[in-house]
Amino acid sequence: MTIKVGDRMPAGGFTRMTKDGPQKLSTEDLFKGKTVLLFSVPGAFTPTCDARHLPGFVDQAEALRAKGVDTVACMAVNDVFVMNAWGKSANVGDKVLMLADGNGEYVKALGLELDAKGFGMGMRGQRFALVVKDGVVTQLHVEKPGEFKVSSAEHLLGQL
């Protein structure tokens, strides 16, 4: 079942890189009492994700925070080391929290997995963006295959 507006985010977790190495982050800690804009990309360093999706959120992070977003987070079905390297490459600093869903368990819990085996990428996450307030989905923007419109930072700015 695919998550929808009004649903509570499922329990789960991610891995993120810290100065002390990889660290688990529970969804409770991520979402509780905050407004979080969580966007998902099919893969770190892939063309649209690297050239447009992540950079848009880095560029618009301050404007999103000005509209009430506490945390901007990027998730992908990649390991924590790849997500950390991608974050460094894109100069995310503290603007975007880079979250690894290494085994794709969380994207599957959301019902937003993507079969990318035809591209040699295995199971991944669809391209989407969620606005979550205190653990409840208030906005859900899932891209149609091959598109990049409704999950962009610019589109989300207009929706907040």
N, C-alpha and C. Protein backbone atom coordinates (compact mmCIF):
# COMPACT_ATOMS: atom_id res chain seq x y z
N MET A 1 0.83 -1.18 0.00
CA MET A 1 0.00 0.00 0.00
C MET A 1 0.88 1.24 0.00
N THR A 2 0.56 2.19 -0.85
CA THR A 2 1.33 3.42 -0.97
C THR A 2 0.87 4.43 0.07
N ILE A 3 1.81 5.10 0.68
CA ILE A 3 1.50 6.15 1.66
C ILE A 3 0.69 7.24 0.98
N LYS A 4 -0.15 7.92 1.75
CA LYS A 4 -0.96 9.00 1.19
C LYS A 4 -1.06 10.14 2.20
N VAL A 5 -1.53 11.29 1.73
CA VAL A 5 -1.72 12.45 2.59
C VAL A 5 -2.65 12.06 3.74
N GLY A 6 -2.27 12.45 4.95
CA GLY A 6 -3.03 12.13 6.15
C GLY A 6 -2.51 10.92 6.89
N ASP A 7 -1.68 10.10 6.23
CA ASP A 7 -1.10 8.92 6.88
C ASP A 7 0.05 9.32 7.79
N ARG A 8 0.25 8.54 8.84
CA ARG A 8 1.41 8.67 9.70
C ARG A 8 2.57 7.94 9.01
N MET A 9 3.75 8.53 9.06
CA MET A 9 4.92 7.90 8.46
C MET A 9 5.20 6.59 9.19
N PRO A 10 5.55 5.54 8.45
CA PRO A 10 5.83 4.26 9.10
C PRO A 10 7.10 4.35 9.95
N ALA A 11 7.14 3.50 10.96
CA ALA A 11 8.36 3.41 11.78
C ALA A 11 9.47 2.82 10.93
N GLY A 12 10.67 3.26 11.16
CA GLY A 12 11.81 2.75 10.42
C GLY A 12 13.03 3.57 10.74
N GLY A 13 13.99 3.50 9.86
CA GLY A 13 15.20 4.25 10.11
C GLY A 13 16.07 4.38 8.89
N PHE A 14 17.06 5.23 9.05
CA PHE A 14 18.05 5.52 8.01
C PHE A 14 19.43 5.46 8.64
N THR A 15 20.44 5.56 7.81
CA THR A 15 21.80 5.73 8.30
C THR A 15 22.32 7.03 7.71
N ARG A 16 23.01 7.79 8.55
CA ARG A 16 23.62 9.04 8.09
C ARG A 16 25.05 9.08 8.58
N MET A 17 25.85 9.87 7.90
CA MET A 17 27.24 9.99 8.30
C MET A 17 27.37 11.15 9.27
N THR A 18 28.13 10.93 10.34
CA THR A 18 28.43 11.97 11.32
C THR A 18 29.95 12.08 11.43
N LYS A 19 30.40 13.04 12.21
CA LYS A 19 31.85 13.17 12.40
C LYS A 19 32.43 11.95 13.10
N ASP A 20 31.57 11.17 13.76
CA ASP A 20 32.01 9.96 14.45
C ASP A 20 31.76 8.69 13.62
N GLY A 21 31.36 8.86 12.36
CA GLY A 21 31.10 7.71 11.50
C GLY A 21 29.61 7.50 11.27
N PRO A 22 29.25 6.37 10.65
CA PRO A 22 27.84 6.10 10.36
C PRO A 22 27.02 6.02 11.64
N GLN A 23 25.81 6.58 11.58
CA GLN A 23 24.93 6.59 12.74
C GLN A 23 23.50 6.34 12.28
N LYS A 24 22.78 5.54 13.04
CA LYS A 24 21.37 5.28 12.76
C LYS A 24 20.54 6.50 13.16
N LEU A 25 19.48 6.74 12.41
CA LEU A 25 18.52 7.80 12.72
C LEU A 25 17.13 7.21 12.57
N SER A 26 16.38 7.18 13.66
CA SER A 26 15.03 6.62 13.60
C SER A 26 14.08 7.65 12.98
N THR A 27 13.02 7.14 12.41
CA THR A 27 12.01 8.04 11.86
C THR A 27 11.36 8.85 12.97
N GLU A 28 11.26 8.29 14.15
CA GLU A 28 10.70 9.06 15.27
C GLU A 28 11.56 10.29 15.55
N ASP A 29 12.87 10.10 15.60
CA ASP A 29 13.77 11.23 15.84
C ASP A 29 13.75 12.24 14.69
N LEU A 30 13.59 11.74 13.47
CA LEU A 30 13.58 12.63 12.31
C LEU A 30 12.32 13.48 12.27
N PHE A 31 11.16 12.88 12.52
CA PHE A 31 9.89 13.56 12.27
C PHE A 31 9.21 14.18 13.50
N LYS A 32 9.47 13.69 14.69
CA LYS A 32 8.72 14.12 15.87
C LYS A 32 8.86 15.62 16.14
N GLY A 33 7.70 16.29 16.14
CA GLY A 33 7.64 17.70 16.49
C GLY A 33 8.22 18.65 15.47
N LYS A 34 8.46 18.16 14.25
CA LYS A 34 9.10 19.00 13.22
C LYS A 34 8.32 18.93 11.92
N THR A 35 8.59 19.90 11.06
CA THR A 35 8.14 19.85 9.67
C THR A 35 9.34 19.46 8.84
N VAL A 36 9.22 18.33 8.16
CA VAL A 36 10.34 17.78 7.39
C VAL A 36 9.92 17.66 5.93
N LEU A 37 10.77 18.15 5.06
CA LEU A 37 10.59 17.94 3.63
C LEU A 37 11.57 16.82 3.26
N LEU A 38 11.03 15.66 2.98
CA LEU A 38 11.83 14.48 2.64
C LEU A 38 11.66 14.22 1.15
N PHE A 39 12.78 14.27 0.42
CA PHE A 39 12.69 13.92 -1.00
C PHE A 39 13.54 12.71 -1.28
N SER A 40 13.11 11.96 -2.28
CA SER A 40 13.76 10.71 -2.64
C SER A 40 14.22 10.77 -4.09
N VAL A 41 15.39 10.22 -4.30
CA VAL A 41 15.95 10.12 -5.65
C VAL A 41 16.25 8.66 -5.96
N PRO A 42 16.20 8.27 -7.23
CA PRO A 42 16.52 6.89 -7.59
C PRO A 42 17.96 6.50 -7.27
N GLY A 43 18.88 7.46 -7.29
CA GLY A 43 20.26 7.10 -6.95
C GLY A 43 21.18 8.29 -6.90
N ALA A 44 22.09 8.25 -5.94
CA ALA A 44 23.13 9.27 -5.84
C ALA A 44 23.95 9.29 -7.13
N PHE A 45 24.35 10.45 -7.54
CA PHE A 45 25.22 10.66 -8.69
C PHE A 45 24.57 10.32 -10.03
N THR A 46 23.29 9.94 -10.04
CA THR A 46 22.62 9.66 -11.32
C THR A 46 22.27 11.00 -11.96
N PRO A 47 22.11 11.06 -13.28
CA PRO A 47 22.07 12.34 -14.00
C PRO A 47 21.11 13.41 -13.47
N THR A 48 19.82 13.17 -13.45
CA THR A 48 18.88 14.20 -13.00
C THR A 48 19.04 14.47 -11.51
N CYS A 49 19.26 13.43 -10.74
CA CYS A 49 19.41 13.58 -9.29
C CYS A 49 20.59 14.49 -8.96
N ASP A 50 21.69 14.27 -9.65
CA ASP A 50 22.93 14.99 -9.36
C ASP A 50 22.95 16.40 -9.96
N ALA A 51 22.40 16.55 -11.14
CA ALA A 51 22.47 17.85 -11.83
C ALA A 51 21.36 18.80 -11.42
N ARG A 52 20.17 18.25 -11.01
CA ARG A 52 19.03 19.14 -10.78
C ARG A 52 18.32 18.94 -9.44
N HIS A 53 18.07 17.67 -9.07
CA HIS A 53 17.21 17.44 -7.90
C HIS A 53 17.89 17.89 -6.60
N LEU A 54 19.01 17.29 -6.24
CA LEU A 54 19.71 17.68 -5.01
C LEU A 54 20.16 19.14 -5.05
N PRO A 55 20.77 19.62 -6.14
CA PRO A 55 21.19 21.03 -6.15
C PRO A 55 20.04 22.02 -5.93
N GLY A 56 18.86 21.70 -6.41
CA GLY A 56 17.71 22.58 -6.21
C GLY A 56 17.39 22.75 -4.73
N PHE A 57 17.46 21.66 -3.98
CA PHE A 57 17.17 21.74 -2.55
C PHE A 57 18.30 22.42 -1.78
N VAL A 58 19.53 22.24 -2.23
CA VAL A 58 20.64 22.95 -1.61
C VAL A 58 20.45 24.45 -1.82
N ASP A 59 20.13 24.84 -3.05
CA ASP A 59 19.95 26.25 -3.39
C ASP A 59 18.75 26.87 -2.67
N GLN A 60 17.70 26.10 -2.47
CA GLN A 60 16.44 26.64 -1.91
C GLN A 60 16.26 26.34 -0.42
N ALA A 61 17.26 25.78 0.24
CA ALA A 61 17.12 25.36 1.64
C ALA A 61 16.68 26.51 2.54
N GLU A 62 17.29 27.67 2.39
CA GLU A 62 16.92 28.81 3.25
C GLU A 62 15.50 29.27 2.97
N ALA A 63 15.10 29.32 1.71
CA ALA A 63 13.74 29.73 1.37
C ALA A 63 12.72 28.73 1.91
N LEU A 64 13.05 27.44 1.88
CA LEU A 64 12.16 26.42 2.43
C LEU A 64 12.03 26.57 3.94
N ARG A 65 13.15 26.85 4.60
CA ARG A 65 13.10 27.06 6.05
C ARG A 65 12.27 28.30 6.39
N ALA A 66 12.37 29.31 5.55
CA ALA A 66 11.58 30.53 5.78
C ALA A 66 10.08 30.25 5.68
N LYS A 67 9.72 29.16 5.00
CA LYS A 67 8.30 28.79 4.85
C LYS A 67 7.89 27.74 5.89
N GLY A 68 8.75 27.52 6.90
CA GLY A 68 8.37 26.64 8.00
C GLY A 68 8.94 25.25 8.00
N VAL A 69 9.81 24.92 7.06
CA VAL A 69 10.44 23.60 7.02
C VAL A 69 11.61 23.59 7.99
N ASP A 70 11.59 22.66 8.93
CA ASP A 70 12.68 22.54 9.90
C ASP A 70 13.87 21.77 9.34
N THR A 71 13.58 20.72 8.58
CA THR A 71 14.62 19.85 8.05
C THR A 71 14.32 19.51 6.60
N VAL A 72 15.33 19.67 5.74
CA VAL A 72 15.26 19.19 4.36
C VAL A 72 16.14 17.94 4.33
N ALA A 73 15.56 16.82 3.91
CA ALA A 73 16.29 15.56 3.91
C ALA A 73 16.17 14.87 2.56
N CYS A 74 17.28 14.31 2.12
CA CYS A 74 17.36 13.54 0.86
C CYS A 74 17.59 12.09 1.20
N MET A 75 16.75 11.22 0.66
CA MET A 75 16.96 9.78 0.85
C MET A 75 17.15 9.08 -0.48
N ALA A 76 17.94 8.02 -0.44
CA ALA A 76 18.15 7.19 -1.62
C ALA A 76 18.51 5.78 -1.16
N VAL A 77 18.22 4.82 -2.02
CA VAL A 77 18.62 3.44 -1.75
C VAL A 77 20.07 3.33 -2.21
N ASN A 78 20.93 3.87 -1.38
CA ASN A 78 22.39 3.81 -1.53
C ASN A 78 22.95 3.61 -0.14
N ASP A 79 24.21 3.18 -0.04
CA ASP A 79 24.81 3.03 1.27
C ASP A 79 25.24 4.39 1.83
N VAL A 80 25.49 4.44 3.11
CA VAL A 80 25.80 5.68 3.80
C VAL A 80 27.08 6.34 3.27
N PHE A 81 28.03 5.53 2.79
CA PHE A 81 29.28 6.08 2.29
C PHE A 81 29.07 6.80 0.96
N VAL A 82 28.23 6.24 0.11
CA VAL A 82 27.89 6.89 -1.15
C VAL A 82 27.11 8.17 -0.88
N MET A 83 26.14 8.12 0.02
CA MET A 83 25.35 9.32 0.33
C MET A 83 26.24 10.42 0.92
N ASN A 84 27.20 10.03 1.75
CA ASN A 84 28.12 11.01 2.32
C ASN A 84 29.00 11.63 1.23
N ALA A 85 29.53 10.80 0.34
CA ALA A 85 30.38 11.31 -0.76
C ALA A 85 29.57 12.23 -1.67
N TRP A 86 28.33 11.86 -1.94
CA TRP A 86 27.49 12.69 -2.79
C TRP A 86 27.20 14.03 -2.13
N GLY A 87 26.92 14.00 -0.84
CA GLY A 87 26.69 15.24 -0.10
C GLY A 87 27.90 16.16 -0.13
N LYS A 88 29.08 15.58 0.03
CA LYS A 88 30.31 16.39 -0.04
C LYS A 88 30.50 16.95 -1.44
N SER A 89 30.28 16.12 -2.45
CA SER A 89 30.43 16.54 -3.84
C SER A 89 29.49 17.69 -4.20
N ALA A 90 28.29 17.66 -3.62
CA ALA A 90 27.27 18.68 -3.92
C ALA A 90 27.31 19.85 -2.93
N ASN A 91 28.28 19.84 -2.03
CA ASN A 91 28.42 20.92 -1.04
C ASN A 91 27.14 21.17 -0.26
N VAL A 92 26.52 20.10 0.24
CA VAL A 92 25.27 20.27 0.97
C VAL A 92 25.47 20.92 2.34
N GLY A 93 26.63 20.74 2.95
CA GLY A 93 26.85 21.29 4.28
C GLY A 93 25.75 20.85 5.22
N ASP A 94 25.15 21.82 5.94
CA ASP A 94 24.05 21.48 6.84
C ASP A 94 22.69 21.85 6.23
N LYS A 95 22.68 22.10 4.93
CA LYS A 95 21.43 22.49 4.26
C LYS A 95 20.50 21.31 4.01
N VAL A 96 21.07 20.15 3.71
CA VAL A 96 20.28 18.95 3.40
C VAL A 96 20.85 17.78 4.18
N LEU A 97 20.00 17.06 4.88
CA LEU A 97 20.39 15.87 5.61
C LEU A 97 20.39 14.71 4.62
N MET A 98 21.53 14.06 4.48
CA MET A 98 21.69 12.97 3.51
C MET A 98 21.43 11.63 4.22
N LEU A 99 20.36 10.95 3.81
CA LEU A 99 19.92 9.73 4.47
C LEU A 99 20.03 8.51 3.56
N ALA A 100 20.70 7.49 4.06
CA ALA A 100 20.84 6.24 3.32
C ALA A 100 19.75 5.26 3.75
N ASP A 101 19.04 4.74 2.76
CA ASP A 101 18.08 3.65 2.95
C ASP A 101 18.72 2.46 2.25
N GLY A 102 19.84 2.02 2.79
CA GLY A 102 20.73 1.07 2.13
C GLY A 102 20.08 -0.16 1.53
N ASN A 103 19.14 -0.74 2.21
CA ASN A 103 18.48 -1.95 1.71
C ASN A 103 17.11 -1.68 1.10
N GLY A 104 16.73 -0.41 1.02
CA GLY A 104 15.45 -0.06 0.45
C GLY A 104 14.25 -0.41 1.32
N GLU A 105 14.49 -0.67 2.59
CA GLU A 105 13.40 -1.07 3.49
C GLU A 105 12.41 0.06 3.73
N TYR A 106 12.91 1.28 3.86
CA TYR A 106 11.98 2.38 4.17
C TYR A 106 11.15 2.76 2.94
N VAL A 107 11.78 2.82 1.79
CA VAL A 107 11.02 3.17 0.59
C VAL A 107 9.96 2.10 0.31
N LYS A 108 10.28 0.86 0.65
CA LYS A 108 9.29 -0.22 0.49
C LYS A 108 8.14 -0.04 1.48
N ALA A 109 8.46 0.37 2.72
CA ALA A 109 7.42 0.62 3.72
C ALA A 109 6.49 1.74 3.27
N LEU A 110 7.03 2.70 2.50
CA LEU A 110 6.21 3.78 1.96
C LEU A 110 5.39 3.34 0.75
N GLY A 111 5.75 2.20 0.17
CA GLY A 111 5.07 1.73 -1.04
C GLY A 111 5.52 2.49 -2.28
N LEU A 112 6.72 3.05 -2.23
CA LEU A 112 7.22 3.89 -3.33
C LEU A 112 8.52 3.35 -3.92
N GLU A 113 8.67 2.03 -3.90
CA GLU A 113 9.86 1.44 -4.49
C GLU A 113 9.80 1.49 -6.02
N LEU A 114 10.94 1.32 -6.63
CA LEU A 114 11.09 1.38 -8.08
C LEU A 114 11.95 0.22 -8.53
N ASP A 115 11.44 -0.57 -9.45
CA ASP A 115 12.23 -1.67 -10.01
C ASP A 115 13.10 -1.11 -11.11
N ALA A 116 14.38 -0.90 -10.81
CA ALA A 116 15.32 -0.35 -11.78
C ALA A 116 16.30 -1.41 -12.27
N LYS A 117 15.90 -2.67 -12.19
CA LYS A 117 16.76 -3.76 -12.63
C LYS A 117 17.11 -3.65 -14.11
N GLY A 118 16.19 -3.11 -14.90
CA GLY A 118 16.44 -2.94 -16.33
C GLY A 118 17.59 -1.98 -16.62
N PHE A 119 17.93 -1.16 -15.63
CA PHE A 119 19.04 -0.21 -15.76
C PHE A 119 20.26 -0.68 -14.99
N GLY A 120 20.20 -1.92 -14.44
CA GLY A 120 21.31 -2.45 -13.67
C GLY A 120 21.41 -1.85 -12.28
N MET A 121 20.31 -1.30 -11.77
CA MET A 121 20.34 -0.62 -10.47
C MET A 121 19.56 -1.34 -9.38
N GLY A 122 18.96 -2.49 -9.67
CA GLY A 122 18.20 -3.22 -8.66
C GLY A 122 16.94 -2.48 -8.24
N MET A 123 16.55 -2.72 -7.00
CA MET A 123 15.37 -2.04 -6.45
C MET A 123 15.81 -0.70 -5.86
N ARG A 124 15.10 0.34 -6.20
CA ARG A 124 15.41 1.70 -5.75
C ARG A 124 14.14 2.37 -5.26
N GLY A 125 14.23 3.66 -4.99
CA GLY A 125 13.07 4.45 -4.62
C GLY A 125 12.64 5.29 -5.80
N GLN A 126 11.34 5.52 -5.92
CA GLN A 126 10.84 6.44 -6.94
C GLN A 126 11.32 7.86 -6.60
N ARG A 127 11.19 8.74 -7.57
CA ARG A 127 11.48 10.16 -7.35
C ARG A 127 10.21 10.78 -6.76
N PHE A 128 10.32 11.29 -5.53
CA PHE A 128 9.16 11.89 -4.88
C PHE A 128 9.61 12.87 -3.81
N ALA A 129 8.65 13.64 -3.30
CA ALA A 129 8.88 14.53 -2.16
C ALA A 129 7.65 14.47 -1.26
N LEU A 130 7.92 14.46 0.03
CA LEU A 130 6.87 14.45 1.05
C LEU A 130 7.09 15.63 1.99
N VAL A 131 6.01 16.25 2.42
CA VAL A 131 6.08 17.19 3.53
C VAL A 131 5.41 16.48 4.69
N VAL A 132 6.13 16.40 5.80
CA VAL A 132 5.68 15.66 6.98
C VAL A 132 5.67 16.60 8.17
N LYS A 133 4.52 16.72 8.81
CA LYS A 133 4.40 17.55 10.01
C LYS A 133 4.14 16.65 11.21
N ASP A 134 5.09 16.64 12.13
CA ASP A 134 4.99 15.83 13.34
C ASP A 134 4.62 14.38 13.02
N GLY A 135 5.24 13.84 11.98
CA GLY A 135 5.05 12.44 11.62
C GLY A 135 3.89 12.14 10.69
N VAL A 136 3.11 13.15 10.29
CA VAL A 136 1.95 12.94 9.42
C VAL A 136 2.20 13.59 8.06
N VAL A 137 1.93 12.86 7.00
CA VAL A 137 2.13 13.37 5.65
C VAL A 137 1.08 14.44 5.35
N THR A 138 1.55 15.64 5.00
CA THR A 138 0.62 16.72 4.62
C THR A 138 0.66 16.98 3.12
N GLN A 139 1.76 16.59 2.48
CA GLN A 139 1.87 16.70 1.02
C GLN A 139 2.65 15.50 0.50
N LEU A 140 2.24 15.01 -0.67
CA LEU A 140 2.92 13.91 -1.34
C LEU A 140 2.98 14.23 -2.82
N HIS A 141 4.19 14.25 -3.36
CA HIS A 141 4.40 14.58 -4.77
C HIS A 141 5.26 13.48 -5.39
N VAL A 142 4.64 12.61 -6.17
CA VAL A 142 5.33 11.49 -6.80
C VAL A 142 5.44 11.78 -8.29
N GLU A 143 6.64 11.68 -8.80
CA GLU A 143 6.87 11.92 -10.23
C GLU A 143 6.36 10.77 -11.08
N LYS A 144 5.87 11.11 -12.26
CA LYS A 144 5.58 10.09 -13.26
C LYS A 144 6.92 9.59 -13.79
N PRO A 145 6.97 8.37 -14.30
CA PRO A 145 8.24 7.83 -14.79
C PRO A 145 8.91 8.77 -15.80
N GLY A 146 10.19 9.02 -15.58
CA GLY A 146 10.97 9.84 -16.49
C GLY A 146 10.79 11.34 -16.34
N GLU A 147 9.95 11.77 -15.39
CA GLU A 147 9.70 13.21 -15.23
C GLU A 147 10.41 13.76 -14.01
N PHE A 148 10.59 15.08 -14.02
CA PHE A 148 11.14 15.80 -12.88
C PHE A 148 10.44 17.15 -12.82
N LYS A 149 9.32 17.18 -12.10
CA LYS A 149 8.51 18.39 -12.00
C LYS A 149 8.03 18.59 -10.57
N VAL A 150 7.16 17.71 -10.11
CA VAL A 150 6.43 17.93 -8.86
C VAL A 150 7.27 17.69 -7.60
N SER A 151 8.43 17.06 -7.73
CA SER A 151 9.26 16.83 -6.55
C SER A 151 10.43 17.81 -6.47
N SER A 152 10.45 18.78 -7.33
CA SER A 152 11.55 19.77 -7.34
C SER A 152 11.41 20.75 -6.18
N ALA A 153 12.52 21.33 -5.78
CA ALA A 153 12.51 22.33 -4.71
C ALA A 153 11.63 23.52 -5.11
N GLU A 154 11.71 23.93 -6.33
CA GLU A 154 10.93 25.08 -6.79
C GLU A 154 9.42 24.79 -6.70
N HIS A 155 9.01 23.60 -7.10
CA HIS A 155 7.59 23.24 -7.01
C HIS A 155 7.16 23.21 -5.54
N LEU A 156 7.97 22.61 -4.68
CA LEU A 156 7.61 22.52 -3.27
C LEU A 156 7.52 23.90 -2.64
N LEU A 157 8.39 24.81 -3.03
CA LEU A 157 8.31 26.18 -2.49
C LEU A 157 6.95 26.80 -2.78
N GLY A 158 6.43 26.54 -3.94
CA GLY A 158 5.12 27.07 -4.32
C GLY A 158 3.96 26.39 -3.61
N GLN A 159 4.22 25.22 -3.05
CA GLN A 159 3.16 24.45 -2.38
C GLN A 159 3.09 24.70 -0.88
N LEU A 160 4.12 25.33 -0.33
CA LEU A 160 4.18 25.54 1.13
C LEU A 160 3.45 26.82 1.53
